[in-house]
Amino acid sequence: MSQAIANPQFSILEQGNVTCFFNQTLITDFSAQMLNPSYWQQQNAVTGSAQGRGTTWFVEYNDIGNIKHDWVLRHYYRGGLIGKVIKDSYWFSSLEKTRAACEFAILRHMNTLRLPAPEPIAYRVMQHGFHYRADLLSSRIQGAQDLVAILSEKAITDDVWHDIGATIKRFHHHGIYHHDLNSHNILLDDKNQVFLIDFDRGELRTNPVNTTWKQANMARLQRSFLKELNKFAQFNYTEKNWKALLDGYQNANIADVERQN
């Protein structure tokens, strides 16, 4: 997807081997250092963190009007066996094909569609010869927890499972492919509104005939629930819950869902 650099809302900052792309309406004092955890630590602006492949940092930014913004800072790490050897280095072919630029672009696209996903704030690509490392800054969903954290503590109602399915259907309807749709990447806020996060390697798929990727997405999600069920002594997930989710997915009226959101 094109970065649409001519859009006055966004700017590019180039410093040697470092390229940053950022929303200048949200960050008027942007610097490349804002993509470093140490910057926020020095500002006493780290509000929390989470562990995955690496550390995800939750930070707080005060704009010129002293309005607080809660953001998420994430460094790109490789997964799988190769990630044990090459942790965070990727082959560089062009800026637009970097993991950070692609995720930033698809987040922008989803925001224009008013889909419940994070807002992209900035990304940084650091090129080293034919390789690069990258970071992404995006908005944090207020009052939200991932499904694994929630289900390890309590059950959720059939209506919420139905809404999860309907929300996924909404993304699929707009051709949004989530490369790693799992129970950790689905959030519920304090009003049980559903959000999807982590669109690294996500894609926009516009071929209406090919729907196998949607089925694969749902199968991956089901496997993730079963995986978590085997990990926890108590995990509030049953086959009945999956059926409620599928019912929400299969019977969602997209026009009605869009109006409600």
Protein backbone atom coordinates (compact mmCIF):
# COMPACT_ATOMS: atom_id res chain seq x y z
CA MET A 1 0.00 0.00 0.00
CA SER A 2 1.26 3.48 -0.80
CA GLN A 3 2.39 5.70 2.04
CA ALA A 4 0.72 8.71 0.38
CA ILE A 5 3.64 10.90 1.47
CA ALA A 6 2.02 13.99 -0.06
CA ASN A 7 -0.65 13.87 2.68
CA PRO A 8 0.10 16.94 4.86
CA GLN A 9 -0.86 15.00 7.99
CA PHE A 10 2.29 12.88 7.70
CA SER A 11 5.98 13.70 7.46
CA ILE A 12 9.26 11.93 6.77
CA LEU A 13 12.43 12.50 8.79
CA GLU A 14 15.72 11.22 7.38
CA GLN A 15 18.91 11.20 9.44
CA GLY A 16 21.78 9.20 7.94
CA ASN A 17 20.73 5.55 7.82
CA VAL A 18 17.55 6.25 9.83
CA THR A 19 14.18 7.03 8.23
CA CYS A 20 11.09 7.90 10.24
CA PHE A 21 7.52 8.43 9.14
CA PHE A 22 5.15 10.10 11.59
CA ASN A 23 1.82 11.80 12.11
CA GLN A 24 2.82 15.44 12.55
CA THR A 25 -0.64 16.47 13.75
CA LEU A 26 -0.14 14.22 16.79
CA ILE A 27 3.58 14.82 17.41
CA THR A 28 4.65 18.41 16.81
CA ASP A 29 8.06 17.89 18.47
CA PHE A 30 8.92 14.57 16.83
CA SER A 31 12.43 13.14 17.02
CA ALA A 32 13.75 9.72 16.01
CA GLN A 33 14.62 9.11 19.67
CA MET A 34 10.90 8.73 20.39
CA LEU A 35 11.22 5.25 18.91
CA ASN A 36 13.69 4.31 21.68
CA PRO A 37 12.41 3.03 25.05
CA SER A 38 15.25 4.97 26.73
CA TYR A 39 13.73 8.27 25.54
CA TRP A 40 10.50 7.58 27.42
CA GLN A 41 12.34 6.22 30.44
CA GLN A 42 14.31 9.48 30.68
CA GLN A 43 11.03 11.41 30.49
CA ASN A 44 9.53 9.23 33.25
CA ALA A 45 6.80 8.53 30.72
CA VAL A 46 6.78 4.71 30.73
CA THR A 47 3.45 3.55 32.14
CA GLY A 48 3.97 -0.20 31.77
CA SER A 49 5.27 -3.01 29.61
CA ALA A 50 4.37 -6.46 28.31
CA GLN A 51 6.51 -9.41 27.32
CA GLY A 52 6.21 -11.26 24.02
CA ARG A 53 9.07 -11.91 21.61
CA GLY A 54 10.51 -8.75 23.12
CA THR A 55 9.33 -6.04 25.45
CA THR A 56 6.38 -3.90 24.39
CA TRP A 57 6.42 -0.51 26.10
CA PHE A 58 3.39 1.55 27.12
CA VAL A 59 4.21 5.26 27.13
CA GLU A 60 2.46 8.56 27.79
CA TYR A 61 2.88 11.64 25.60
CA ASN A 62 1.69 15.17 26.43
CA ASP A 63 1.01 17.30 23.37
CA ILE A 64 1.34 21.10 23.18
CA GLY A 65 -2.14 21.46 24.66
CA ASN A 66 -1.04 19.26 27.56
CA ILE A 67 -3.45 16.56 26.43
CA LYS A 68 -2.24 13.09 27.37
CA HIS A 69 -1.94 10.31 24.79
CA ASP A 70 -1.28 6.66 25.64
CA TRP A 71 0.85 4.87 23.08
CA VAL A 72 2.48 1.51 22.48
CA LEU A 73 6.12 1.21 21.37
CA ARG A 74 7.14 -2.07 19.77
CA HIS A 75 10.39 -3.27 18.22
CA TYR A 76 10.14 -5.84 15.40
CA TYR A 77 11.50 -9.25 16.32
CA ARG A 78 11.58 -12.40 14.23
CA GLY A 79 9.64 -15.46 15.32
CA GLY A 80 10.19 -19.16 14.80
CA LEU A 81 13.53 -20.94 14.61
CA ILE A 82 15.21 -18.17 12.59
CA GLY A 83 14.36 -15.74 15.37
CA LYS A 84 16.67 -17.65 17.70
CA VAL A 85 19.60 -16.84 15.40
CA ILE A 86 18.64 -13.54 13.73
CA LYS A 87 16.52 -11.77 16.33
CA ASP A 88 15.54 -8.46 14.74
CA SER A 89 17.28 -8.02 11.37
CA TYR A 90 15.39 -8.13 8.05
CA TRP A 91 16.39 -7.99 4.40
CA PHE A 92 16.01 -4.46 3.00
CA SER A 93 14.63 -3.99 -0.53
CA SER A 94 12.73 -0.70 -0.17
CA LEU A 95 11.31 1.47 2.59
CA GLU A 96 7.71 0.73 1.63
CA LYS A 97 8.29 -3.02 1.93
CA THR A 98 9.70 -2.92 5.46
CA ARG A 99 7.60 -4.52 8.19
CA ALA A 100 7.07 -1.18 9.93
CA ALA A 101 6.00 0.72 6.81
CA CYS A 102 3.57 -2.03 5.78
CA GLU A 103 1.94 -2.25 9.20
CA PHE A 104 1.73 1.55 9.45
CA ALA A 105 0.03 1.66 6.04
CA ILE A 106 -2.55 -1.00 6.80
CA LEU A 107 -3.34 0.63 10.15
CA ARG A 108 -3.90 3.92 8.34
CA HIS A 109 -6.21 2.20 5.88
CA MET A 110 -8.21 0.53 8.65
CA ASN A 111 -8.52 3.84 10.48
CA THR A 112 -10.09 5.41 7.38
CA LEU A 113 -12.61 2.55 7.45
CA ARG A 114 -13.26 3.18 11.17
CA LEU A 115 -12.31 -0.39 12.03
CA PRO A 116 -11.53 -1.04 15.72
CA ALA A 117 -7.74 -1.18 15.51
CA PRO A 118 -4.89 0.99 16.85
CA GLU A 119 -4.05 4.33 15.24
CA PRO A 120 -0.52 4.50 13.74
CA ILE A 121 1.64 7.25 15.23
CA ALA A 122 5.18 6.77 13.86
CA TYR A 123 7.67 4.22 12.64
CA ARG A 124 11.44 4.07 12.34
CA VAL A 125 13.59 2.04 9.97
CA MET A 126 17.35 1.79 10.63
CA GLN A 127 19.17 0.49 7.56
CA HIS A 128 22.49 -1.34 7.87
CA GLY A 129 23.77 -2.33 4.43
CA PHE A 130 21.25 -4.76 2.96
CA HIS A 131 19.44 -5.24 6.26
CA TYR A 132 17.28 -3.15 8.57
CA ARG A 133 15.76 -3.01 12.04
CA ALA A 134 12.47 -1.27 12.79
CA ASP A 135 10.12 0.07 15.45
CA LEU A 136 6.47 1.14 15.53
CA LEU A 137 4.59 3.60 17.73
CA SER A 138 0.80 3.23 17.79
CA SER A 139 -2.13 4.19 20.01
CA ARG A 140 -3.03 2.13 23.05
CA ILE A 141 -6.60 0.87 23.43
CA GLN A 142 -7.81 2.36 26.69
CA GLY A 143 -9.07 0.03 29.41
CA ALA A 144 -8.45 -3.06 27.28
CA GLN A 145 -7.14 -6.55 28.01
CA ASP A 146 -6.43 -9.40 25.65
CA LEU A 147 -8.77 -12.38 25.62
CA VAL A 148 -6.23 -14.72 27.19
CA ALA A 149 -5.85 -12.49 30.24
CA ILE A 150 -9.63 -12.14 30.54
CA LEU A 151 -10.51 -15.81 30.04
CA SER A 152 -7.89 -16.94 32.53
CA GLU A 153 -9.87 -15.03 35.16
CA LYS A 154 -13.53 -15.18 34.14
CA ALA A 155 -16.02 -16.31 31.52
CA ILE A 156 -17.60 -13.94 29.03
CA THR A 157 -21.19 -14.06 27.80
CA ASP A 158 -22.46 -15.46 24.51
CA ASP A 159 -23.26 -11.90 23.38
CA VAL A 160 -19.59 -10.94 23.71
CA TRP A 161 -18.47 -14.07 21.83
CA HIS A 162 -21.00 -13.15 19.15
CA ASP A 163 -19.55 -9.62 18.94
CA ILE A 164 -16.03 -11.02 18.59
CA GLY A 165 -17.13 -13.07 15.59
CA ALA A 166 -19.02 -10.13 14.06
CA THR A 167 -15.98 -7.87 14.48
CA ILE A 168 -13.68 -10.34 12.74
CA LYS A 169 -16.26 -10.61 9.93
CA ARG A 170 -16.15 -6.84 9.58
CA PHE A 171 -12.37 -6.88 9.04
CA HIS A 172 -12.67 -9.75 6.56
CA HIS A 173 -15.45 -7.94 4.70
CA HIS A 174 -13.01 -5.10 4.03
CA GLY A 175 -10.32 -7.52 2.85
CA ILE A 176 -8.13 -7.21 5.96
CA TYR A 177 -5.95 -10.28 6.40
CA HIS A 178 -4.50 -10.66 9.91
CA HIS A 179 -1.37 -12.79 9.62
CA ASP A 180 -1.48 -13.92 13.25
CA LEU A 181 -5.11 -13.87 14.37
CA ASN A 182 -4.99 -15.41 17.83
CA SER A 183 -6.56 -14.96 21.25
CA HIS A 184 -3.75 -12.62 22.39
CA ASN A 185 -4.45 -10.21 19.52
CA ILE A 186 -8.12 -9.73 20.34
CA LEU A 187 -8.83 -7.13 23.02
CA LEU A 188 -11.94 -6.22 25.01
CA ASP A 189 -12.18 -2.81 26.62
CA ASP A 190 -14.07 -2.06 29.84
CA LYS A 191 -17.31 -1.82 27.82
CA ASN A 192 -16.64 -5.16 26.09
CA GLN A 193 -15.98 -3.46 22.77
CA VAL A 194 -13.83 -5.67 20.55
CA PHE A 195 -10.51 -4.58 19.00
CA LEU A 196 -7.90 -6.35 16.90
CA ILE A 197 -4.20 -5.53 17.29
CA ASP A 198 -0.76 -6.53 15.91
CA PHE A 199 -1.08 -6.34 12.14
CA ASP A 200 2.56 -7.15 11.42
CA ARG A 201 2.56 -8.88 8.00
CA GLY A 202 -1.12 -8.07 7.58
CA GLU A 203 -2.38 -7.51 4.06
CA LEU A 204 -5.24 -5.96 2.12
CA ARG A 205 -6.82 -8.67 -0.04
CA THR A 206 -9.31 -7.47 -2.61
CA ASN A 207 -10.07 -10.68 -4.56
CA PRO A 208 -13.72 -11.44 -3.62
CA VAL A 209 -13.56 -14.97 -5.06
CA ASN A 210 -10.72 -16.27 -2.90
CA THR A 211 -12.04 -16.77 0.63
CA THR A 212 -9.66 -19.54 1.75
CA TRP A 213 -7.56 -17.01 3.68
CA LYS A 214 -10.60 -16.15 5.80
CA GLN A 215 -11.13 -19.80 6.66
CA ALA A 216 -7.43 -20.13 7.49
CA ASN A 217 -7.67 -17.07 9.75
CA MET A 218 -10.55 -18.62 11.68
CA ALA A 219 -8.85 -22.01 11.94
CA ARG A 220 -5.73 -20.34 13.34
CA LEU A 221 -7.83 -18.52 15.92
CA GLN A 222 -9.54 -21.74 16.99
CA ARG A 223 -6.16 -23.45 17.41
CA SER A 224 -4.96 -20.61 19.60
CA PHE A 225 -7.91 -21.04 21.97
CA LEU A 226 -7.21 -24.75 22.24
CA LYS A 227 -3.52 -24.03 22.86
CA GLU A 228 -4.34 -21.69 25.73
CA LEU A 229 -6.89 -24.16 27.10
CA ASN A 230 -4.09 -26.71 27.47
CA LYS A 231 -1.76 -24.20 29.15
CA PHE A 232 -4.00 -22.92 31.95
CA ALA A 233 -5.36 -24.85 34.91
CA GLN A 234 -8.48 -22.72 34.50
CA PHE A 235 -9.34 -21.15 31.14
CA ASN A 236 -12.94 -20.14 30.45
CA TYR A 237 -13.32 -21.45 26.93
CA THR A 238 -15.51 -24.28 25.62
CA GLU A 239 -16.75 -25.56 22.29
CA LYS A 240 -20.01 -23.74 23.02
CA ASN A 241 -18.08 -20.44 23.10
CA TRP A 242 -16.51 -21.17 19.72
CA LYS A 243 -19.94 -21.90 18.26
CA ALA A 244 -21.21 -18.54 19.58
CA LEU A 245 -18.23 -16.79 17.98
CA LEU A 246 -18.86 -18.56 14.67
CA ASP A 247 -22.55 -17.68 14.85
CA GLY A 248 -21.59 -14.02 15.26
CA TYR A 249 -19.22 -14.29 12.31
CA GLN A 250 -21.54 -16.14 9.95
CA ASN A 251 -24.70 -14.17 10.72
CA ALA A 252 -23.25 -10.67 11.06
CA ASN A 253 -25.06 -8.07 9.00
CA ILE A 254 -22.12 -5.87 8.01
CA ALA A 255 -24.30 -2.85 7.23
CA ASP A 256 -25.83 -2.98 10.70
CA VAL A 257 -22.44 -3.50 12.39
CA GLU A 258 -20.96 -0.57 10.48
CA ARG A 259 -23.84 1.71 11.54
CA GLN A 260 -23.39 0.74 15.18
CA ASN A 261 -19.71 1.66 15.00
